N, C-alpha and C. Protein backbone atom coordinates (compact mmCIF):
# COMPACT_ATOMS: atom_id res chain seq x y z
N MET A 1 10.84 14.64 -27.09
CA MET A 1 10.30 13.67 -26.30
C MET A 1 9.34 14.18 -25.31
N LYS A 2 8.19 13.52 -25.11
CA LYS A 2 7.11 14.08 -24.11
C LYS A 2 7.37 13.40 -22.86
N HIS A 3 7.23 14.20 -21.66
CA HIS A 3 7.25 13.60 -20.45
C HIS A 3 5.86 13.42 -19.84
N GLN A 4 5.60 12.34 -19.41
CA GLN A 4 4.25 12.04 -19.03
C GLN A 4 4.20 11.93 -17.55
N HIS A 5 3.13 12.22 -17.05
CA HIS A 5 2.87 12.18 -15.52
C HIS A 5 3.20 10.74 -15.04
N GLY A 6 4.00 10.58 -14.09
CA GLY A 6 4.44 9.32 -13.47
C GLY A 6 5.43 8.63 -14.16
N GLU A 7 6.07 9.36 -15.18
CA GLU A 7 7.18 8.46 -15.85
C GLU A 7 8.20 8.09 -14.94
N GLY A 8 8.74 7.02 -15.16
CA GLY A 8 9.73 6.21 -14.33
C GLY A 8 9.28 5.32 -13.28
N ARG A 9 8.00 5.40 -13.11
CA ARG A 9 7.50 4.46 -12.16
C ARG A 9 6.66 3.33 -12.74
N PRO A 10 6.56 2.26 -12.26
CA PRO A 10 5.81 1.17 -12.78
C PRO A 10 4.34 1.38 -12.90
N PRO A 11 3.59 1.07 -13.89
CA PRO A 11 2.21 1.54 -13.98
C PRO A 11 1.45 0.65 -12.94
N VAL A 12 0.39 1.44 -12.40
CA VAL A 12 -0.41 0.81 -11.61
C VAL A 12 -1.43 -0.21 -12.17
N ARG A 13 -1.47 -1.28 -11.68
CA ARG A 13 -2.25 -2.35 -12.37
C ARG A 13 -3.81 -2.19 -11.99
N THR A 14 -4.49 -2.55 -12.84
CA THR A 14 -5.91 -2.54 -12.56
C THR A 14 -6.34 -3.90 -12.12
N VAL A 15 -7.34 -3.99 -11.24
CA VAL A 15 -7.67 -5.30 -10.74
C VAL A 15 -8.94 -5.75 -11.51
N ALA A 16 -8.83 -6.90 -12.14
CA ALA A 16 -9.90 -7.48 -12.97
C ALA A 16 -10.49 -8.53 -12.21
N THR A 17 -10.70 -8.40 -10.89
CA THR A 17 -10.99 -9.69 -10.22
C THR A 17 -12.16 -9.08 -9.07
N ASP A 18 -12.84 -10.00 -8.55
CA ASP A 18 -13.76 -9.76 -7.56
C ASP A 18 -13.18 -9.87 -6.12
N ASP A 19 -11.94 -10.10 -6.05
CA ASP A 19 -11.23 -10.13 -4.73
C ASP A 19 -11.28 -8.83 -4.04
N PRO A 20 -12.05 -8.57 -2.89
CA PRO A 20 -12.01 -7.33 -2.33
C PRO A 20 -10.63 -6.84 -1.66
N ASN A 21 -9.89 -7.80 -1.32
CA ASN A 21 -8.59 -7.30 -0.73
C ASN A 21 -7.67 -6.78 -1.88
N ALA A 22 -7.70 -7.35 -3.09
CA ALA A 22 -6.96 -6.87 -4.25
C ALA A 22 -7.44 -5.49 -4.59
N GLN A 23 -8.76 -5.28 -4.58
CA GLN A 23 -9.29 -3.95 -4.84
C GLN A 23 -8.95 -2.96 -3.79
N ILE A 24 -8.99 -3.28 -2.67
CA ILE A 24 -8.57 -2.39 -1.49
C ILE A 24 -7.09 -1.98 -1.71
N ALA A 25 -6.30 -3.00 -1.87
CA ALA A 25 -4.81 -2.79 -2.20
C ALA A 25 -4.46 -1.92 -3.30
N THR A 26 -5.21 -2.09 -4.34
CA THR A 26 -5.19 -1.14 -5.52
C THR A 26 -5.39 0.26 -5.26
N ARG A 27 -6.60 0.35 -4.50
CA ARG A 27 -7.09 1.77 -4.13
C ARG A 27 -6.11 2.37 -3.19
N LEU A 28 -5.55 1.68 -2.16
CA LEU A 28 -4.65 2.28 -1.22
C LEU A 28 -3.34 2.62 -1.93
N ARG A 29 -2.84 1.77 -2.92
CA ARG A 29 -1.62 2.20 -3.67
C ARG A 29 -1.78 3.36 -4.39
N SER A 30 -2.98 3.60 -5.00
CA SER A 30 -3.42 4.73 -5.76
C SER A 30 -3.36 5.98 -4.83
N LEU A 31 -3.91 5.90 -3.79
CA LEU A 31 -3.96 7.04 -2.82
C LEU A 31 -2.65 7.33 -2.27
N TYR A 32 -1.89 6.26 -2.13
CA TYR A 32 -0.63 6.66 -1.48
C TYR A 32 0.28 7.44 -2.60
N LEU A 33 0.25 6.95 -3.90
CA LEU A 33 0.91 7.61 -4.93
C LEU A 33 0.55 9.05 -5.13
N SER A 34 -0.82 9.36 -4.92
CA SER A 34 -1.15 10.68 -5.15
C SER A 34 -0.83 11.55 -3.96
N VAL A 35 -0.78 11.01 -2.74
CA VAL A 35 -0.28 11.81 -1.66
C VAL A 35 1.22 12.07 -1.76
N GLN A 36 1.92 11.09 -2.21
CA GLN A 36 3.33 11.17 -2.41
C GLN A 36 3.81 12.24 -3.42
N GLU A 37 2.97 12.55 -4.31
CA GLU A 37 3.17 13.62 -5.33
C GLU A 37 2.85 15.01 -4.87
N GLU A 38 2.11 15.14 -3.80
CA GLU A 38 1.81 16.49 -3.18
C GLU A 38 3.14 17.22 -2.76
N ALA A 39 3.07 18.53 -2.82
CA ALA A 39 4.19 19.34 -2.36
C ALA A 39 4.01 19.48 -0.90
N ILE A 40 5.16 19.54 -0.20
CA ILE A 40 5.14 19.87 1.23
C ILE A 40 4.79 21.29 1.43
N PRO A 41 3.89 21.51 2.38
CA PRO A 41 3.39 22.93 2.59
C PRO A 41 4.53 23.76 3.18
N ALA A 42 4.70 24.93 2.83
CA ALA A 42 5.77 25.83 3.23
C ALA A 42 5.78 26.00 4.77
N ARG A 43 4.68 26.10 5.52
CA ARG A 43 4.50 26.20 6.87
C ARG A 43 5.30 24.96 7.48
N PHE A 44 4.94 23.81 7.02
CA PHE A 44 5.57 22.72 7.49
C PHE A 44 7.15 22.65 7.47
N LEU A 45 7.62 23.10 6.31
CA LEU A 45 9.07 23.31 6.02
C LEU A 45 9.66 24.39 6.98
N ASP A 46 8.82 25.45 7.27
CA ASP A 46 9.33 26.46 8.14
C ASP A 46 9.55 25.92 9.57
N LEU A 47 8.58 25.00 9.96
CA LEU A 47 8.63 24.43 11.21
C LEU A 47 9.79 23.48 11.37
N LEU A 48 9.99 22.72 10.38
CA LEU A 48 11.26 21.75 10.45
C LEU A 48 12.49 22.57 10.50
N GLU A 49 12.70 23.73 9.89
CA GLU A 49 13.69 24.51 9.93
C GLU A 49 13.94 25.16 11.31
N GLN A 50 12.93 25.46 11.95
CA GLN A 50 12.88 26.03 13.25
C GLN A 50 13.44 24.95 14.22
N LEU A 51 12.78 23.67 14.11
CA LEU A 51 13.22 22.51 14.93
C LEU A 51 14.79 22.20 14.94
N ASP A 52 15.20 22.36 13.53
CA ASP A 52 16.69 22.17 13.30
C ASP A 52 17.54 23.25 14.14
N ALA A 53 16.99 24.37 13.98
CA ALA A 53 17.87 25.55 14.60
C ALA A 53 17.76 25.31 16.18
N VAL A 54 16.78 24.84 16.65
CA VAL A 54 16.62 24.59 18.21
C VAL A 54 17.58 23.38 18.49
N GLU A 55 17.54 22.45 17.70
CA GLU A 55 18.45 21.34 17.97
C GLU A 55 19.92 21.58 17.77
N GLN A 56 20.25 22.40 16.73
CA GLN A 56 21.60 22.89 16.75
C GLN A 56 22.09 23.80 17.88
N GLY A 57 21.24 24.61 18.48
CA GLY A 57 21.50 25.45 19.52
C GLY A 57 21.66 24.48 20.93
N SER A 58 20.84 23.47 20.90
CA SER A 58 21.08 22.70 22.20
C SER A 58 22.32 21.88 22.07
N LYS A 59 22.80 21.42 20.91
CA LYS A 59 24.10 20.67 20.80
C LYS A 59 25.21 21.71 21.09
N LYS A 60 25.16 22.88 20.75
CA LYS A 60 26.19 23.79 20.85
C LYS A 60 26.30 24.06 22.45
N SER A 61 25.27 24.19 23.17
CA SER A 61 25.23 24.50 24.51
C SER A 61 25.73 23.32 25.33
N SER A 62 25.44 22.05 24.85
CA SER A 62 25.82 20.93 25.58
C SER A 62 27.20 20.70 25.46
N ASN A 63 27.78 21.07 24.34
CA ASN A 63 29.20 20.86 24.00
C ASN A 63 30.14 21.88 24.77
N GLU A 64 29.45 22.94 25.29
CA GLU A 64 30.42 23.94 25.90
C GLU A 64 30.53 23.73 27.45
């Protein structure tokens, strides 16, 4: 069985109309899906881990 890109998601419908709002919506949906598939940068993950460590430290000090 071949796995195709985007498998499991509903297909993006193409707009066969001259309605500018529908065209904008389709393009925004396509952009959102492409951004959603991007990997989270390692630097951002490191910053989140540092933030979690600081929050855990502040909880411990406030409980003591």
